[in-house]
Structures are given as C-alpha cells and as structure tokens.
Protein backbone atom coordinates (compact mmCIF):
# COMPACT_ATOMS: atom_id res chain seq x y z
CA MET A 1 -1.05 2.02 -25.74
CA LYS A 2 1.21 1.12 -22.88
CA THR A 3 0.11 -2.02 -21.01
CA LYS A 4 0.94 -2.56 -17.35
CA ASN A 5 0.89 -5.41 -14.91
CA PHE A 6 0.94 -4.62 -11.24
CA LEU A 7 2.09 -5.56 -7.78
CA THR A 8 0.06 -6.02 -4.64
CA VAL A 9 1.38 -5.21 -1.28
CA ILE A 10 1.34 -6.79 2.13
CA ALA A 11 2.96 -4.83 4.95
CA LEU A 12 4.75 -6.68 7.76
CA PHE A 13 5.66 -4.34 10.60
CA SER A 14 8.34 -4.94 13.20
CA ILE A 15 10.20 -2.80 15.70
CA ILE A 16 13.97 -2.87 15.28
CA SER A 17 16.15 -1.97 18.26
CA ALA A 18 17.74 1.42 17.89
CA ILE A 19 21.51 1.55 17.44
CA GLY A 20 22.95 4.55 19.22
CA GLN A 21 20.86 7.58 20.09
CA LYS A 22 19.87 8.90 16.66
CA PRO A 23 16.08 9.35 16.24
CA THR A 24 15.88 7.25 13.07
CA PHE A 25 14.02 4.25 11.75
CA GLU A 26 14.35 2.05 8.69
CA LEU A 27 11.86 1.30 5.93
CA THR A 28 12.84 -1.88 4.07
CA PHE A 29 11.35 -2.95 0.74
CA THR A 30 11.30 -6.33 -0.97
CA ALA A 31 8.99 -8.12 -3.42
CA ILE A 32 7.63 -11.57 -4.23
CA ASP A 33 5.32 -13.13 -6.79
CA ASN A 34 3.30 -15.33 -4.47
CA ALA A 35 6.24 -17.22 -2.92
CA VAL A 36 8.78 -16.42 -5.64
CA TYR A 37 11.24 -13.61 -5.06
CA VAL A 38 11.09 -10.63 -7.44
CA GLN A 39 14.04 -8.24 -7.66
CA LEU A 40 12.92 -4.63 -7.50
CA ASP A 41 14.61 -2.22 -9.90
CA SER A 42 13.79 0.79 -7.76
CA ILE A 43 11.38 2.24 -5.21
CA LYS A 44 10.03 5.77 -5.36
CA VAL A 45 8.95 7.33 -2.06
CA ILE A 46 6.65 10.36 -2.29
CA ASN A 47 5.75 12.47 0.72
CA ARG A 48 2.05 13.16 0.14
CA THR A 49 1.87 15.52 3.12
CA GLN A 50 4.79 17.83 2.35
CA GLU A 51 5.39 16.91 -1.31
CA GLY A 52 8.88 15.94 -2.47
CA ASP A 53 10.16 12.48 -3.35
CA THR A 54 13.26 10.30 -3.34
CA MET A 55 14.39 7.12 -5.16
CA LEU A 56 16.02 3.91 -4.00
CA TYR A 57 17.87 1.73 -6.52
CA TRP A 58 18.52 -1.98 -6.08
CA PRO A 59 20.36 -3.33 -4.13
CA ASP A 60 19.78 -0.28 -1.92
CA THR A 61 16.23 -1.07 -0.75
CA VAL A 62 16.38 0.42 2.75
CA LEU A 63 15.37 4.02 3.48
CA VAL A 64 16.60 5.46 6.78
CA LEU A 65 14.45 8.35 7.98
CA ASP A 66 15.81 10.88 10.44
CA TYR A 67 12.59 12.25 11.88
CA GLN A 68 14.23 14.83 14.11
CA VAL A 69 15.70 16.97 11.35
CA GLY A 70 13.42 15.58 8.67
CA ILE A 71 16.13 14.57 6.18
CA SER A 72 16.70 11.11 4.75
CA GLU A 73 20.17 9.94 5.76
CA ILE A 74 20.55 6.80 3.73
CA ASN A 75 23.71 6.60 1.69
CA SER A 76 24.68 10.24 2.09
CA ASN A 77 28.18 8.87 1.53
CA VAL A 78 28.54 6.52 -1.43
CA GLU A 79 31.76 5.14 0.10
CA LYS A 80 30.03 4.03 3.31
CA PHE A 81 30.51 0.47 4.57
CA GLN A 82 27.06 -1.09 4.39
CA VAL A 83 25.21 -4.41 4.43
CA PHE A 84 22.25 -4.39 2.03
CA GLN A 85 18.96 -6.11 2.80
CA ASN A 86 19.06 -9.74 1.70
CA TYR A 87 16.97 -11.00 -1.20
CA PRO A 88 14.61 -12.70 -1.08
CA ASN A 89 13.39 -11.71 2.34
CA PRO A 90 11.39 -13.48 3.80
CA ILE A 91 13.08 -16.65 2.57
CA LYS A 92 12.26 -20.34 2.31
CA ASP A 93 15.54 -22.16 1.72
CA ARG A 94 18.31 -19.69 0.88
CA THR A 95 18.97 -16.01 0.31
CA THR A 96 21.69 -13.69 -1.01
CA ILE A 97 23.33 -11.04 1.19
CA SER A 98 25.49 -8.26 -0.27
CA LEU A 99 27.75 -5.72 1.42
CA TYR A 100 29.87 -2.82 0.18
CA VAL A 101 33.49 -2.32 1.32
CA PRO A 102 34.90 1.20 0.66
CA GLU A 103 38.56 0.04 0.69
CA ARG A 104 40.56 -3.14 1.19
CA GLY A 105 40.41 -4.57 4.68
CA GLN A 106 39.35 -7.51 6.83
CA VAL A 107 35.59 -8.03 7.18
CA SER A 108 34.17 -10.03 10.08
CA VAL A 109 30.71 -11.57 9.73
CA ILE A 110 28.54 -12.84 12.57
CA ILE A 111 25.08 -14.43 12.27
CA THR A 112 23.00 -14.64 15.44
CA ASP A 113 19.51 -15.95 16.17
CA MET A 114 16.67 -14.13 17.90
CA LEU A 115 18.09 -15.15 21.33
CA GLY A 116 21.44 -13.60 20.53
CA ARG A 117 23.26 -16.92 20.12
CA VAL A 118 26.10 -16.91 17.59
CA ILE A 119 25.26 -19.31 14.76
CA ILE A 120 28.05 -18.57 12.26
CA GLN A 121 31.27 -16.53 12.35
CA SER A 122 33.71 -15.85 9.53
CA LYS A 123 36.53 -13.46 8.56
CA ARG A 124 37.78 -12.56 5.08
CA MET A 125 40.15 -10.03 3.56
CA MET A 126 38.10 -8.06 1.00
CA ASP A 127 39.02 -5.60 -1.72
CA LYS A 128 37.01 -2.45 -2.39
CA GLY A 129 33.64 -3.28 -3.98
CA THR A 130 30.40 -5.18 -3.48
CA HIS A 131 30.67 -8.70 -2.01
CA SER A 132 27.96 -11.34 -1.76
CA TYR A 133 27.16 -14.34 0.43
CA ARG A 134 24.58 -17.10 0.13
CA PHE A 135 22.89 -17.97 3.42
CA SER A 136 20.72 -21.02 4.17
CA PRO A 137 18.79 -20.89 7.46
CA GLY A 138 18.14 -23.68 9.93
CA GLU A 139 15.18 -24.11 12.25
CA GLY A 140 14.84 -20.49 13.35
CA ASN A 141 12.50 -17.89 11.89
CA LEU A 142 14.62 -14.81 12.60
CA TYR A 143 18.35 -14.13 12.19
CA PHE A 144 20.61 -11.10 12.36
CA PHE A 145 23.56 -10.69 9.94
CA THR A 146 26.23 -8.29 11.22
CA ALA A 147 29.40 -7.31 9.36
CA GLN A 148 32.31 -5.29 10.80
CA TRP A 149 35.11 -3.47 8.95
CA LYS A 150 37.70 -1.09 10.42
CA GLY A 151 35.54 -0.25 13.42
CA ASN A 152 32.35 0.16 11.35
CA SER A 153 29.37 -2.14 11.82
CA SER A 154 26.24 -2.77 9.73
CA SER A 155 23.39 -5.21 10.36
CA ILE A 156 20.25 -6.56 8.71
CA LYS A 157 17.38 -8.73 9.88
CA ILE A 158 16.58 -11.97 7.97
CA ILE A 159 13.11 -13.53 8.17
CA GLN A 160 12.31 -17.16 7.32
CA THR A 161 8.68 -17.94 6.42
CA ALA A 162 8.77 -21.63 7.41
CA SER A 163 11.15 -23.38 9.78
CA ASN A 164 13.54 -25.87 8.18
CA SER A 165 13.52 -28.75 10.65
CA TYR A 166 16.03 -30.84 8.70
CA GLY A 167 18.49 -28.18 7.55
CA LYS A 168 21.45 -26.48 9.16
CA CYS A 169 22.57 -22.90 8.85
CA SER A 170 25.26 -22.34 6.25
CA LEU A 171 27.02 -19.29 4.82
CA LYS A 172 28.99 -19.33 1.56
CA TYR A 173 30.98 -16.48 -0.02
CA ILE A 174 29.94 -16.27 -3.70
CA GLY A 175 31.93 -13.42 -5.17
CA SER A 176 32.50 -9.69 -5.61
CA GLU A 177 32.12 -6.77 -8.00
CA ALA A 178 34.63 -3.92 -8.14
CA SER A 179 32.01 -1.25 -8.89
CA SER A 180 30.20 0.84 -6.31
CA PRO A 181 26.45 0.26 -5.88
CA GLN A 182 24.03 2.69 -7.52
CA LEU A 183 22.89 4.94 -4.67
CA LYS A 184 20.98 8.16 -4.20
CA THR A 185 22.72 11.45 -4.78
CA THR A 186 23.01 14.26 -2.25
CA GLU A 187 20.50 16.22 -4.35
CA ASP A 188 18.00 13.35 -4.06
CA ILE A 189 18.41 13.26 -0.31
CA GLN A 190 18.10 16.98 0.25
CA SER A 191 14.90 17.20 -1.81
CA PHE A 192 13.08 14.77 0.48
CA SER A 193 12.06 15.73 4.00
CA PHE A 194 9.96 13.84 6.54
CA ASN A 195 8.24 14.60 9.83
CA LEU A 196 6.42 12.15 12.04
CA GLY A 197 2.77 12.00 10.94
CA ASP A 198 3.53 12.50 7.23
CA GLU A 199 1.80 10.14 4.80
CA LEU A 200 4.19 8.44 2.39
CA LEU A 201 3.37 6.77 -0.93
CA TYR A 202 5.67 3.89 -1.88
CA ILE A 203 5.86 2.90 -5.56
CA GLY A 204 7.87 -0.21 -6.41
CA TYR A 205 9.16 -0.95 -9.93
CA ALA A 206 10.34 -4.23 -11.43
CA ASN A 207 11.02 -4.10 -15.18
CA SER A 208 7.79 -2.62 -16.59
CA LEU A 209 5.74 -3.51 -13.51
CA GLN A 210 4.70 -1.23 -10.65
CA THR A 211 2.80 -1.17 -7.38
CA GLY A 212 1.91 1.40 -4.76
CA MET A 213 0.84 1.62 -1.16
CA LEU A 214 0.31 4.31 1.47
CA ASP A 215 1.50 4.45 5.04
CA ILE A 216 2.16 6.86 7.88
CA PRO A 217 5.31 5.26 9.31
CA GLU A 218 6.04 5.61 13.00
CA THR A 219 8.69 2.93 13.44
CA SER A 220 10.89 0.60 11.42
CA ALA A 221 8.93 -1.56 8.98
CA THR A 222 9.44 -4.15 6.24
CA TYR A 223 7.16 -3.83 3.21
CA ILE A 224 6.77 -6.93 1.07
CA LEU A 225 5.48 -6.10 -2.41
CA GLN A 226 3.68 -9.04 -3.97
CA PHE A 227 2.77 -9.61 -7.62
CA ALA A 228 -0.90 -10.60 -7.79
CA THR A 229 -4.09 -9.50 -9.50
CA ASN A 230 -7.73 -10.49 -9.66
CA ILE A 231 -7.62 -12.96 -6.79
CA SER A 232 -9.36 -13.13 -3.42
CA CYS A 233 -7.40 -11.50 -0.63
CA PRO A 234 -4.91 -14.16 0.55
CA GLY A 235 -6.25 -16.05 3.55
CA MET A 236 -9.53 -14.13 3.47
CA PRO A 237 -11.79 -15.05 0.53
CA THR A 238 -14.93 -13.80 2.32
CA VAL A 239 -15.90 -11.55 5.22
CA THR A 240 -19.04 -12.05 7.27
CA TYR A 241 -20.34 -8.85 8.83
CA GLU A 242 -23.72 -7.95 10.32
CA GLY A 243 -25.38 -10.99 8.74
CA GLN A 244 -23.97 -10.33 5.24
CA VAL A 245 -21.24 -12.32 3.47
CA TYR A 246 -18.91 -10.27 1.26
CA ASN A 247 -16.36 -11.55 -1.22
CA THR A 248 -12.92 -9.98 -1.20
CA ILE A 249 -10.70 -8.92 -4.10
CA GLN A 250 -6.97 -8.20 -4.03
CA VAL A 251 -6.45 -5.23 -6.32
CA PHE A 252 -2.68 -4.88 -6.45
CA SER A 253 -1.62 -3.02 -3.32
CA GLN A 254 -5.02 -3.17 -1.68
CA CYS A 255 -7.55 -5.68 -0.40
CA TRP A 256 -11.14 -4.54 -1.08
CA LEU A 257 -14.64 -5.85 -0.47
CA LYS A 258 -15.85 -7.00 -3.87
CA GLU A 259 -19.35 -5.64 -3.25
CA ASN A 260 -20.72 -2.31 -2.01
CA LEU A 261 -21.38 -2.29 1.71
CA ASN A 262 -24.92 -3.29 2.70
CA VAL A 263 -25.30 -2.84 6.43
CA GLY A 264 -27.93 -1.19 8.61
CA THR A 265 -31.66 -0.61 8.91
CA MET A 266 -33.44 0.88 5.88
CA ILE A 267 -35.07 4.27 6.23
CA GLU A 268 -37.04 6.12 3.55
CA GLY A 269 -35.25 8.43 1.17
CA ILE A 270 -37.14 11.50 2.35
CA GLU A 271 -35.60 11.16 5.83
CA ASP A 272 -32.17 12.32 6.92
CA MET A 273 -29.95 9.94 8.85
CA THR A 274 -29.40 10.70 12.52
CA ASN A 275 -26.84 9.91 15.21
CA ASN A 276 -29.04 7.47 17.09
CA ASN A 277 -26.63 4.52 17.63
CA ILE A 278 -28.36 2.61 14.81
CA ILE A 279 -26.69 2.23 11.43
CA GLU A 280 -29.17 3.47 8.82
CA LYS A 281 -29.18 2.98 5.06
CA TYR A 282 -31.16 3.99 1.99
CA CYS A 283 -32.22 1.43 -0.59
CA TYR A 284 -32.94 2.59 -4.14
CA TYR A 285 -36.72 3.14 -4.62
CA ASP A 286 -37.01 2.41 -0.87
CA MET A 287 -36.85 -1.29 -1.72
CA GLU A 288 -34.71 -3.54 0.51
CA LEU A 289 -34.35 -6.04 -2.34
CA ILE A 290 -32.35 -3.51 -4.37
CA CYS A 291 -29.90 -3.09 -1.49
CA ASN A 292 -29.17 -6.82 -1.85
CA SER A 293 -27.93 -6.11 -5.38
CA TYR A 294 -26.35 -2.65 -5.17
CA GLY A 295 -25.63 -2.28 -1.47
CA GLY A 296 -26.89 0.56 0.66
CA LEU A 297 -26.66 4.30 0.06
CA TYR A 298 -25.44 6.45 2.95
CA GLN A 299 -24.96 10.04 4.02
CA TRP A 300 -21.34 10.88 4.82
CA ASP A 301 -21.79 11.49 8.54
CA GLU A 302 -23.49 8.11 8.89
CA ILE A 303 -20.64 6.15 7.27
CA MET A 304 -18.16 8.05 9.46
CA GLN A 305 -20.25 7.41 12.60
CA TYR A 306 -20.31 11.17 13.20
CA THR A 307 -16.58 11.78 13.40
CA ASN A 308 -14.18 13.51 10.98
CA GLN A 309 -11.22 11.15 11.37
CA GLU A 310 -9.84 10.29 7.93
CA GLY A 311 -9.39 6.56 7.32
CA ILE A 312 -11.66 5.55 10.21
CA GLN A 313 -13.41 2.18 10.39
CA GLY A 314 -16.80 3.87 10.42
CA ILE A 315 -19.51 1.41 9.41
CA CYS A 316 -16.98 -0.99 7.83
CA PRO A 317 -16.10 -4.37 9.40
CA PRO A 318 -13.34 -4.53 12.04
CA ASP A 319 -9.84 -4.23 10.50
CA TRP A 320 -11.33 -2.45 7.46
CA HIS A 321 -11.87 1.26 6.90
CA ILE A 322 -13.66 3.87 4.83
CA PRO A 323 -11.17 4.54 1.99
CA THR A 324 -9.37 7.86 2.02
CA ASP A 325 -9.11 10.03 -1.06
CA GLU A 326 -5.50 8.84 -1.38
CA ASP A 327 -6.55 5.15 -1.18
CA LEU A 328 -8.74 5.56 -4.25
CA LYS A 329 -6.09 7.53 -6.13
CA VAL A 330 -3.68 4.61 -5.66
CA LEU A 331 -6.35 2.15 -6.85
CA GLU A 332 -7.04 4.18 -9.98
CA GLY A 333 -3.36 4.67 -10.78
CA ALA A 334 -2.83 0.93 -10.45
CA VAL A 335 -5.59 -0.04 -12.91
CA ASP A 336 -5.17 2.73 -15.51
CA SER A 337 -3.14 1.75 -18.58
CA GLN A 338 -1.61 5.19 -19.13
CA TYR A 339 -1.36 7.19 -15.90
CA GLY A 340 0.48 5.38 -13.13
CA ILE A 341 0.39 5.49 -9.36
CA GLY A 342 1.41 8.89 -8.02
CA ASP A 343 0.71 10.73 -11.28
CA GLN A 344 -0.51 14.27 -10.60
CA ILE A 345 -3.54 13.71 -12.83
CA TRP A 346 -5.26 11.86 -9.98
CA ASP A 347 -5.22 15.05 -7.88
CA ILE A 348 -7.33 17.01 -10.37
CA ASP A 349 -10.91 17.93 -9.47
CA GLY A 350 -12.67 16.50 -12.53
CA ASP A 351 -12.44 13.61 -15.00
CA ASN A 352 -9.16 11.74 -14.58
CA GLY A 353 -7.28 8.89 -16.23
CA LEU A 354 -7.60 7.07 -19.53
CA ASP A 355 -9.44 3.83 -18.75
CA ALA A 356 -9.42 3.33 -14.97
CA GLY A 357 -13.22 3.62 -14.89
CA THR A 358 -13.69 1.06 -17.66
CA ASN A 359 -11.34 -1.35 -15.91
CA LEU A 360 -13.17 -1.00 -12.58
CA LYS A 361 -16.77 -1.34 -13.86
CA THR A 362 -18.76 -4.57 -14.18
CA THR A 363 -19.22 -6.13 -17.60
CA SER A 364 -23.01 -5.79 -17.45
CA GLY A 365 -25.76 -3.68 -15.89
CA TRP A 366 -24.67 -0.27 -17.19
CA ASN A 367 -27.04 1.68 -19.47
CA ASP A 368 -26.41 2.71 -23.08
CA GLY A 369 -23.44 0.42 -23.69
CA GLY A 370 -21.53 1.79 -20.73
CA ASN A 371 -20.34 -1.58 -19.43
CA GLY A 372 -16.77 -2.02 -18.28
CA THR A 373 -14.16 -4.75 -18.63
CA ASP A 374 -13.88 -5.47 -14.88
CA LEU A 375 -10.27 -6.26 -15.70
CA PHE A 376 -9.16 -6.59 -12.09
CA GLY A 377 -12.29 -7.98 -10.43
CA TYR A 378 -13.30 -4.82 -8.56
CA SER A 379 -16.83 -5.04 -10.05
CA GLY A 380 -18.02 -1.44 -9.71
CA MET A 381 -21.82 -1.40 -10.08
CA PRO A 382 -24.12 1.44 -11.30
CA SER A 383 -25.87 1.90 -7.96
CA GLY A 384 -27.10 5.47 -8.52
CA PHE A 385 -27.60 7.84 -5.57
CA ARG A 386 -30.07 9.44 -3.20
CA ASP A 387 -30.55 13.15 -3.97
CA THR A 388 -29.72 15.52 -1.12
CA ASN A 389 -32.65 17.91 -1.47
CA ILE A 390 -35.91 16.01 -1.87
CA GLY A 391 -34.74 12.47 -1.19
CA ASN A 392 -35.35 11.12 -4.70
CA PHE A 393 -33.29 8.26 -6.11
CA MET A 394 -31.47 8.96 -9.37
CA GLU A 395 -29.16 7.55 -12.08
CA GLU A 396 -29.36 3.82 -11.32
CA GLY A 397 -27.62 2.13 -14.25
CA ASP A 398 -25.75 5.35 -15.10
CA ASN A 399 -23.40 6.13 -12.21
CA CYS A 400 -21.67 4.82 -9.13
CA PHE A 401 -20.61 7.41 -6.53
CA LEU A 402 -18.18 6.19 -3.86
CA TRP A 403 -17.61 8.11 -0.65
CA THR A 404 -14.15 8.71 0.77
CA SER A 405 -13.43 9.58 4.39
CA THR A 406 -11.64 12.77 3.30
CA VAL A 407 -13.32 16.13 3.77
CA TYR A 408 -13.21 18.46 0.78
CA SER A 409 -11.45 21.30 2.57
CA SER A 410 -10.28 22.34 6.00
CA ASP A 411 -12.08 25.63 5.33
CA LEU A 412 -15.07 25.59 7.71
CA SER A 413 -17.25 27.22 5.05
CA LYS A 414 -16.74 24.07 2.93
CA TRP A 415 -16.91 21.58 5.80
CA GLY A 416 -20.22 20.22 4.49
CA PHE A 417 -18.53 18.57 1.48
CA ALA A 418 -16.40 15.43 1.09
CA TRP A 419 -14.45 13.88 -1.77
CA THR A 420 -16.03 11.18 -3.94
CA HIS A 421 -14.89 9.06 -6.87
CA ASN A 422 -17.44 8.49 -9.61
CA LEU A 423 -17.69 5.65 -12.17
CA MET A 424 -19.83 6.73 -15.14
CA LYS A 425 -21.63 4.95 -18.00
CA ASN A 426 -20.29 7.27 -20.72
CA LYS A 427 -16.76 7.87 -19.43
CA SER A 428 -13.74 5.58 -19.48
CA GLY A 429 -11.94 7.50 -16.74
CA VAL A 430 -12.97 8.33 -13.17
CA ARG A 431 -14.44 11.60 -11.89
CA HIS A 432 -12.87 13.05 -8.74
CA HIS A 433 -15.23 15.60 -7.18
CA ASP A 434 -16.68 16.93 -3.93
CA TYR A 435 -20.34 16.53 -2.95
CA ASP A 436 -22.66 17.59 -0.16
CA LYS A 437 -22.33 15.18 2.78
CA THR A 438 -26.12 14.78 2.99
CA THR A 439 -26.23 13.04 -0.42
CA GLY A 440 -26.71 9.26 -0.33
CA PHE A 441 -23.75 7.45 -1.98
CA SER A 442 -22.25 3.96 -1.98
CA VAL A 443 -19.38 2.69 0.19
CA ARG A 444 -16.57 0.22 -0.56
CA CYS A 445 -14.44 -0.83 2.40
CA VAL A 446 -10.69 -1.39 2.10
CA ARG A 447 -8.62 -3.60 4.37
CA ASP A 448 -6.25 -1.96 6.85
CA TYR A 449 -2.60 -2.41 5.90
C-alpha cells in the first residue's frame, strides 16, 4: 500500500503592480517545512469550474493567468528571458535567484527596496542558459529583483520574514547551467483556460509528498505550502466562540475546528428550525449534555443562516466558514493512502476512497469495532442525526453526517437537498451523498484561507 505524507498550506496574498496594460496576474508557489525551505518538484493546477489542468515544473513556480482571453501565458516561449521566483521565499538569511538567458548577452541586475531605492546594481556578460545568484537581505522586509537583457525585463518580489538588523544586503553570482529549464509545452497551455470567478485547485508535489488547496483568485498571490500534520493551527491553538472553547487542528492544507460545532439554543427534535434571528440546535435525545460531547445537530438552512451562498460563514465563528463540498474532497484526498487530492473518485455520489474515513474517525466511541485511527487528529465522532420526518434521533455511535454549504443541484426541483460527507462505523472510506436540508446533521467549521 502506498503511504503518503502531506503538506499544509498558508496563503499570503499581495497585489503586484501591473506591468503594461495586459489583464494578467501572477500566482506564485513555494513551500516550507515549518521554517525550512522545501523545493517543490511540480505544481498541478486544476480548474474545478471549467475542468482542465496545467503543470508547473521547478524552477518554474509562477503561473501567469490572462483572464481576458482565458489562456495561461506563462512560458509560451521556452527561449524567453525570465527571472524565476527565488527559493526559499519568504527567507530568513539568504535565498537563491535563478534566471534564464536565451542567448549570450549582457545582463543588468538591480535590487530595490519597497521605497524604490536602489540597493544593489551589477552587470555581467552571460552565455545562453540558467544562471543563479545568492542574495542576503538587510533590514528590509520586501525587495524587488529586476534583470534586463537586450531590452527585455523580468522582475520578482522577495519577502523576508524577519528583519536582519545587523546584516547588509549582498548579491553573489554562483554559477550557470547550459540547459534550458523544464517548462510547460504549448499543448499544456492550450488545454488550460481560466475566467475570473473560476475555482482553482492547487496540488503541490515534493518527492512523494503532496498538498492541495482551493482558491478563486482575483489578483496576484503568493501561496506558501507548508509541511505539517497533526498540530494545532499555527498561532491559533483554540477558538472561543459563543461561550464555547474549541481546539483547532491543522490538517495539511486546511485549518479545522477539532470538535463539531456546538452553538445555539436547544429546541426539541420534533420542531423545525425557523429564521427567527436565534441560532437553534438539536441535541441527541433532546439532552443538552450530549451536545457537549457530540456538538449540535442542525438543519441546513439554519447553518447557512437562510442564504444559499456557498462557503459562507453561516453559524461558524468569524474568519471561518461552512465547508464547501470541494473543501471536504480536498481533506479526504489528503488523508487517504491510495487516492490523492484531485482524484476523480472524490466526485462520485457514493462510497469513496480506501481509508480516508478510518483516518478521520476517533479511536474510540464507534459501535461494533468501527473505531478509526484518527491518524491526523481530525477526531470525527459518531454523532448520529436527527431524522427529517418525525424528529427522532438515530445512529449515535454508528455514523457522523457532516453538512457542506453546497446545494445538491441547481435544478430547482432538487433545491431541497445539499451535499454531505458521511463517516461510518463499518466503512473505511467516506460516503459522498445528498440529503434533505431539513435533516439534522453535524457541522465542522474550516478556517478561511
């Protein structure tokens, strides 16, 4: 059986000034293991709205999206003069910067700070190939590296995580390679299209490791992929919300509440929830004490606060949201030992994956030997559900049903159903299925990227 480790993701967003008038923006990818730089082998970008995908190969870790015509422009010409994103980035003490020269000529390099002041200038005659520099920053937190060759210019942004009060900026040429960098082919580029509003799935690979995250990019952004597993979310071990304290768990690309949400005023199972400006919850057997263990059970409209906006905060804490169907697919692909992130198996309506369910379930509390390994600290509990018809409570110890904020279908005749993900006592995978919105299911909140 194939074994996988995984990457978690933190997204740092920044607006980069446009060069020229082309309606483009840049998506930059890098990776660290805590504070240690990790070199990515490749990044796969999948358009989950339109379908289609493209690949980036190190050192080409920048994707340029042309959102007017919808075609990725990056490296449409292998012989293009280009500065590649430095690694590591962000940096602590030093970083490596590479550039590609299509033919012999003089290359001028300028490093400026965030105020536009020139910090370093140099010129060098370079042969065709890939050339590298080592840069050590000074006191600043942001620098721009610009190289010019035969009237062509290319720039990158360099971020420093902590100011070096005692150091000075330095730039050292460290060598060259005659070969061209490994870049995307024209076929790769033409098979990937993008329009503003499309949801993209980014999957980063380093040796046998992988990670994934979702985003709907609207401007230039730097995505820092971080190796981590089974730890509290960095800088946020707990969240206090509506009188309850929740632990957090970093599950690869995502930061989750470690417990099911337990917020609101309990009402009896025979009642339906109403839009009355009061958050309402069901507790199994109509006992508040059980909500303290399993969290509350909720109808879909209640968790969404009577809107249909996918990925909304709903009844989650500020800066958190009701997970989308895609959020949970990424989670399951990250923890499954056979089917990775982005695999089409996660789109199937039914039982999916090899052991994602086992790896997400708690190690105790499940009936008939159905306990999990809780391999990544998610701690899925068998909270059961509130039946939609007569308000009975069922399957405590057997099942955990988790709402998503994604409606089952845009077809109005099926508007009363939403997607759920189901952990089961007698299944090692996860069930992906739609249910009536008036059923009472559990909620796990996920942190906004």
